[in-house]
Amino acid sequence: MRKVRDYEAELKALEDKARALKARRVEQLGQLVSSTGADTLDMETLAGVLLDAAASQNAETKEAWRAKGVAFFRRRGRKSGKAAGGDSDGTGAQPGADPASGSGAASN
């Protein structure tokens, strides 16, 4: 005889998992802001930088930001002696990886 599935319980479990994943992502973004030093910026400036980065269509600039983010996590990983806690795709490092650079353009 087949076991009856409890769809409500499965749905609740999925909602709980989604909520936990969202909370973890928010926490990681907060840690990223702090570890890059962007927490010293006022909220309006940080929001402006992130909005410009998100709206940017320049692939070269985005690639330069990504490379800076990769380098940041590599340096950070060596300092702490463990993984930096970022995804290998670098998506969390693009916006605001180097807030001191202003426009976000590569300085290479």
N, C-alpha and C. Protein backbone atom coordinates (compact mmCIF):
# COMPACT_ATOMS: atom_id res chain seq x y z
N MET A 1 0.83 -1.17 0.00
CA MET A 1 0.00 0.00 0.00
C MET A 1 0.89 1.24 0.00
N ARG A 2 0.49 2.24 -0.77
CA ARG A 2 1.27 3.47 -0.89
C ARG A 2 1.04 4.39 0.30
N LYS A 3 2.11 5.03 0.67
CA LYS A 3 2.03 6.00 1.76
C LYS A 3 1.42 7.30 1.22
N VAL A 4 0.53 7.90 1.97
CA VAL A 4 -0.11 9.14 1.57
C VAL A 4 0.86 10.30 1.83
N ARG A 5 1.02 11.17 0.81
CA ARG A 5 1.93 12.31 0.95
C ARG A 5 1.24 13.46 1.64
N ASP A 6 1.95 14.10 2.51
CA ASP A 6 1.45 15.28 3.21
C ASP A 6 1.99 16.51 2.49
N TYR A 7 1.20 16.99 1.51
CA TYR A 7 1.64 18.11 0.69
C TYR A 7 1.82 19.39 1.50
N GLU A 8 0.99 19.60 2.48
CA GLU A 8 1.11 20.80 3.30
C GLU A 8 2.43 20.79 4.08
N ALA A 9 2.80 19.65 4.63
CA ALA A 9 4.05 19.55 5.37
C ALA A 9 5.25 19.74 4.43
N GLU A 10 5.17 19.16 3.22
CA GLU A 10 6.24 19.32 2.25
C GLU A 10 6.37 20.78 1.82
N LEU A 11 5.25 21.44 1.61
CA LEU A 11 5.26 22.85 1.23
C LEU A 11 5.84 23.71 2.34
N LYS A 12 5.46 23.43 3.58
CA LYS A 12 5.99 24.18 4.71
C LYS A 12 7.50 23.97 4.83
N ALA A 13 7.96 22.75 4.63
CA ALA A 13 9.39 22.47 4.70
C ALA A 13 10.15 23.24 3.61
N LEU A 14 9.58 23.29 2.40
CA LEU A 14 10.21 24.04 1.32
C LEU A 14 10.23 25.54 1.61
N GLU A 15 9.15 26.06 2.18
CA GLU A 15 9.10 27.48 2.54
C GLU A 15 10.12 27.80 3.62
N ASP A 16 10.26 26.90 4.60
CA ASP A 16 11.24 27.10 5.66
C ASP A 16 12.66 27.09 5.09
N LYS A 17 12.92 26.19 4.16
CA LYS A 17 14.24 26.11 3.54
C LYS A 17 14.52 27.37 2.74
N ALA A 18 13.53 27.85 1.98
CA ALA A 18 13.70 29.08 1.20
C ALA A 18 13.97 30.26 2.11
N ARG A 19 13.27 30.34 3.22
CA ARG A 19 13.45 31.42 4.19
C ARG A 19 14.86 31.37 4.79
N ALA A 20 15.33 30.18 5.11
CA ALA A 20 16.67 30.02 5.67
C ALA A 20 17.75 30.41 4.65
N LEU A 21 17.55 30.01 3.39
CA LEU A 21 18.51 30.37 2.35
C LEU A 21 18.55 31.88 2.13
N LYS A 22 17.40 32.53 2.17
CA LYS A 22 17.35 33.98 2.01
C LYS A 22 18.05 34.67 3.17
N ALA A 23 17.81 34.20 4.38
CA ALA A 23 18.46 34.78 5.56
C ALA A 23 19.98 34.60 5.48
N ARG A 24 20.42 33.44 5.01
CA ARG A 24 21.85 33.19 4.88
C ARG A 24 22.47 34.13 3.85
N ARG A 25 21.78 34.35 2.74
CA ARG A 25 22.28 35.25 1.69
C ARG A 25 22.38 36.68 2.21
N VAL A 26 21.37 37.13 2.95
CA VAL A 26 21.40 38.48 3.52
C VAL A 26 22.58 38.61 4.48
N GLU A 27 22.80 37.60 5.29
CA GLU A 27 23.92 37.62 6.23
C GLU A 27 25.25 37.67 5.48
N GLN A 28 25.39 36.88 4.42
CA GLN A 28 26.62 36.87 3.64
C GLN A 28 26.86 38.21 2.97
N LEU A 29 25.80 38.85 2.47
CA LEU A 29 25.96 40.16 1.85
C LEU A 29 26.41 41.19 2.88
N GLY A 30 25.87 41.10 4.08
CA GLY A 30 26.30 41.99 5.16
C GLY A 30 27.77 41.78 5.50
N GLN A 31 28.19 40.52 5.55
CA GLN A 31 29.59 40.21 5.82
C GLN A 31 30.49 40.74 4.71
N LEU A 32 30.02 40.65 3.47
CA LEU A 32 30.79 41.15 2.33
C LEU A 32 30.96 42.66 2.43
N VAL A 33 29.90 43.36 2.76
CA VAL A 33 29.96 44.81 2.91
C VAL A 33 30.97 45.17 4.00
N SER A 34 30.91 44.48 5.11
CA SER A 34 31.84 44.76 6.22
C SER A 34 33.28 44.42 5.86
N SER A 35 33.50 43.27 5.26
CA SER A 35 34.87 42.83 4.99
C SER A 35 35.55 43.65 3.90
N THR A 36 34.78 44.28 3.01
CA THR A 36 35.38 45.12 1.98
C THR A 36 35.61 46.54 2.46
N GLY A 37 35.08 46.86 3.63
CA GLY A 37 35.22 48.22 4.14
C GLY A 37 34.11 49.14 3.68
N ALA A 38 33.16 48.62 2.92
CA ALA A 38 32.07 49.43 2.40
C ALA A 38 31.11 49.87 3.49
N ASP A 39 31.21 49.28 4.67
CA ASP A 39 30.33 49.68 5.77
C ASP A 39 30.69 51.06 6.31
N THR A 40 31.83 51.60 5.88
CA THR A 40 32.20 52.96 6.30
C THR A 40 31.50 54.02 5.45
N LEU A 41 30.95 53.61 4.32
CA LEU A 41 30.21 54.53 3.46
C LEU A 41 28.84 54.79 4.04
N ASP A 42 28.30 56.00 3.77
CA ASP A 42 26.93 56.23 4.22
C ASP A 42 25.99 55.41 3.32
N MET A 43 24.80 55.18 3.81
CA MET A 43 23.85 54.29 3.12
C MET A 43 23.52 54.77 1.71
N GLU A 44 23.38 56.08 1.53
CA GLU A 44 23.02 56.62 0.23
C GLU A 44 24.13 56.38 -0.80
N THR A 45 25.38 56.58 -0.38
CA THR A 45 26.51 56.35 -1.28
C THR A 45 26.62 54.88 -1.65
N LEU A 46 26.51 54.02 -0.66
CA LEU A 46 26.58 52.58 -0.93
C LEU A 46 25.45 52.15 -1.86
N ALA A 47 24.26 52.65 -1.63
CA ALA A 47 23.12 52.32 -2.50
C ALA A 47 23.38 52.82 -3.92
N GLY A 48 23.93 54.01 -4.06
CA GLY A 48 24.24 54.55 -5.39
C GLY A 48 25.26 53.71 -6.13
N VAL A 49 26.31 53.30 -5.41
CA VAL A 49 27.34 52.46 -6.02
C VAL A 49 26.73 51.14 -6.50
N LEU A 50 25.94 50.53 -5.66
CA LEU A 50 25.33 49.24 -6.03
C LEU A 50 24.35 49.39 -7.18
N LEU A 51 23.57 50.47 -7.19
CA LEU A 51 22.63 50.71 -8.29
C LEU A 51 23.38 50.90 -9.60
N ASP A 52 24.47 51.67 -9.59
CA ASP A 52 25.28 51.85 -10.80
C ASP A 52 25.87 50.52 -11.27
N ALA A 53 26.36 49.73 -10.33
CA ALA A 53 26.95 48.44 -10.71
C ALA A 53 25.89 47.51 -11.29
N ALA A 54 24.73 47.48 -10.69
CA ALA A 54 23.66 46.60 -11.17
C ALA A 54 23.16 47.03 -12.55
N ALA A 55 23.16 48.33 -12.82
CA ALA A 55 22.66 48.84 -14.09
C ALA A 55 23.72 48.87 -15.19
N SER A 56 24.97 48.65 -14.83
CA SER A 56 26.06 48.74 -15.80
C SER A 56 25.89 47.70 -16.90
N GLN A 57 26.07 48.15 -18.13
CA GLN A 57 26.00 47.25 -19.29
C GLN A 57 27.39 46.98 -19.87
N ASN A 58 28.42 47.62 -19.30
CA ASN A 58 29.78 47.50 -19.80
C ASN A 58 30.41 46.19 -19.32
N ALA A 59 30.59 45.27 -20.25
CA ALA A 59 31.13 43.95 -19.91
C ALA A 59 32.58 44.04 -19.42
N GLU A 60 33.36 44.96 -19.99
CA GLU A 60 34.75 45.11 -19.57
C GLU A 60 34.84 45.55 -18.12
N THR A 61 34.01 46.51 -17.76
CA THR A 61 34.00 47.02 -16.39
C THR A 61 33.56 45.92 -15.43
N LYS A 62 32.52 45.19 -15.80
CA LYS A 62 32.04 44.11 -14.93
C LYS A 62 33.11 43.03 -14.77
N GLU A 63 33.83 42.73 -15.82
CA GLU A 63 34.89 41.73 -15.73
C GLU A 63 36.02 42.23 -14.83
N ALA A 64 36.33 43.52 -14.90
CA ALA A 64 37.36 44.08 -14.03
C ALA A 64 36.92 43.99 -12.57
N TRP A 65 35.65 44.27 -12.31
CA TRP A 65 35.13 44.16 -10.94
C TRP A 65 35.20 42.72 -10.46
N ARG A 66 34.85 41.79 -11.36
CA ARG A 66 34.88 40.37 -10.99
C ARG A 66 36.30 39.95 -10.65
N ALA A 67 37.27 40.39 -11.45
CA ALA A 67 38.67 40.04 -11.20
C ALA A 67 39.14 40.60 -9.85
N LYS A 68 38.73 41.83 -9.54
CA LYS A 68 39.07 42.41 -8.24
C LYS A 68 38.46 41.59 -7.12
N GLY A 69 37.24 41.14 -7.32
CA GLY A 69 36.57 40.32 -6.31
C GLY A 69 37.26 38.99 -6.09
N VAL A 70 37.67 38.36 -7.18
CA VAL A 70 38.40 37.10 -7.08
C VAL A 70 39.70 37.31 -6.31
N ALA A 71 40.43 38.38 -6.64
CA ALA A 71 41.69 38.66 -5.95
C ALA A 71 41.44 38.94 -4.47
N PHE A 72 40.36 39.66 -4.16
CA PHE A 72 40.01 39.96 -2.78
C PHE A 72 39.79 38.68 -1.99
N PHE A 73 39.01 37.75 -2.54
CA PHE A 73 38.72 36.51 -1.83
C PHE A 73 39.96 35.64 -1.70
N ARG A 74 40.83 35.67 -2.69
CA ARG A 74 42.08 34.90 -2.59
C ARG A 74 42.96 35.44 -1.47
N ARG A 75 43.12 36.78 -1.41
CA ARG A 75 43.91 37.39 -0.33
C ARG A 75 43.30 37.08 1.01
N ARG A 76 42.01 37.21 1.10
CA ARG A 76 41.30 36.98 2.36
C ARG A 76 41.44 35.52 2.78
N GLY A 77 41.38 34.61 1.83
CA GLY A 77 41.52 33.19 2.12
C GLY A 77 42.88 32.86 2.68
N ARG A 78 43.92 33.49 2.13
CA ARG A 78 45.28 33.26 2.62
C ARG A 78 45.46 33.81 4.02
N LYS A 79 44.88 34.97 4.30
CA LYS A 79 45.02 35.59 5.62
C LYS A 79 44.38 34.75 6.71
N SER A 80 43.19 34.21 6.42
CA SER A 80 42.48 33.47 7.45
C SER A 80 42.83 31.99 7.47
N GLY A 81 43.46 31.50 6.38
CA GLY A 81 43.85 30.11 6.34
C GLY A 81 42.70 29.17 6.06
N LYS A 82 41.57 29.73 5.60
CA LYS A 82 40.43 28.89 5.24
C LYS A 82 39.70 29.54 4.09
N ALA A 83 38.68 28.89 3.59
CA ALA A 83 37.91 29.43 2.47
C ALA A 83 37.28 30.75 2.88
N ALA A 84 37.16 31.66 1.92
CA ALA A 84 36.66 32.99 2.20
C ALA A 84 35.15 33.04 2.35
N GLY A 85 34.44 32.01 1.98
CA GLY A 85 33.00 31.99 2.16
C GLY A 85 32.24 32.53 0.98
N GLY A 86 32.89 32.75 -0.14
CA GLY A 86 32.21 33.24 -1.33
C GLY A 86 31.98 32.11 -2.31
N ASP A 87 31.07 32.34 -3.23
CA ASP A 87 30.82 31.36 -4.28
C ASP A 87 31.93 31.44 -5.31
N SER A 88 32.24 30.34 -5.95
CA SER A 88 33.31 30.33 -6.92
C SER A 88 32.95 31.10 -8.18
N ASP A 89 31.67 31.40 -8.41
CA ASP A 89 31.31 32.15 -9.60
C ASP A 89 31.54 33.64 -9.45
N GLY A 90 31.83 34.12 -8.23
CA GLY A 90 32.19 35.50 -8.01
C GLY A 90 31.05 36.48 -8.06
N THR A 91 29.82 36.03 -8.10
CA THR A 91 28.70 36.95 -8.24
C THR A 91 28.55 37.85 -7.05
N GLY A 92 28.90 37.40 -5.89
CA GLY A 92 28.77 38.26 -4.72
C GLY A 92 29.84 39.33 -4.65
N ALA A 93 30.89 39.22 -5.43
CA ALA A 93 31.99 40.15 -5.32
C ALA A 93 31.92 41.29 -6.31
N GLN A 94 31.08 41.22 -7.33
CA GLN A 94 31.07 42.26 -8.35
C GLN A 94 30.73 43.63 -7.81
N PRO A 95 29.53 43.85 -7.34
CA PRO A 95 29.21 45.19 -6.90
C PRO A 95 29.89 45.49 -5.57
N GLY A 96 30.67 46.54 -5.54
CA GLY A 96 31.28 46.96 -4.30
C GLY A 96 32.53 46.21 -3.90
N ALA A 97 33.15 45.47 -4.81
CA ALA A 97 34.35 44.73 -4.45
C ALA A 97 35.47 45.67 -4.05
N ASP A 98 35.50 46.87 -4.62
CA ASP A 98 36.49 47.87 -4.24
C ASP A 98 35.80 49.22 -4.15
N PRO A 99 35.12 49.49 -3.01
CA PRO A 99 34.32 50.70 -2.92
C PRO A 99 35.16 51.97 -2.97
N ALA A 100 36.43 51.90 -2.67
CA ALA A 100 37.27 53.09 -2.67
C ALA A 100 37.58 53.59 -4.07
N SER A 101 37.36 52.75 -5.10
CA SER A 101 37.70 53.15 -6.44
C SER A 101 36.70 54.13 -7.03
N GLY A 102 35.58 54.35 -6.36
CA GLY A 102 34.60 55.34 -6.83
C GLY A 102 33.76 54.79 -7.95
N SER A 103 34.19 54.95 -9.18
CA SER A 103 33.37 54.56 -10.32
C SER A 103 33.34 53.07 -10.53
N GLY A 104 34.29 52.36 -9.94
CA GLY A 104 34.35 50.92 -10.12
C GLY A 104 35.15 50.52 -11.33
N ALA A 105 35.66 51.48 -12.07
CA ALA A 105 36.45 51.16 -13.26
C ALA A 105 37.78 50.58 -12.83
N ALA A 106 38.31 49.71 -13.66
CA ALA A 106 39.58 49.07 -13.35
C ALA A 106 40.70 50.09 -13.34
N SER A 107 41.63 49.92 -12.42
CA SER A 107 42.77 50.83 -12.33
C SER A 107 44.02 50.19 -12.88
N ASN A 108 43.88 49.11 -13.62
CA ASN A 108 45.05 48.39 -14.13
C ASN A 108 45.67 49.12 -15.28
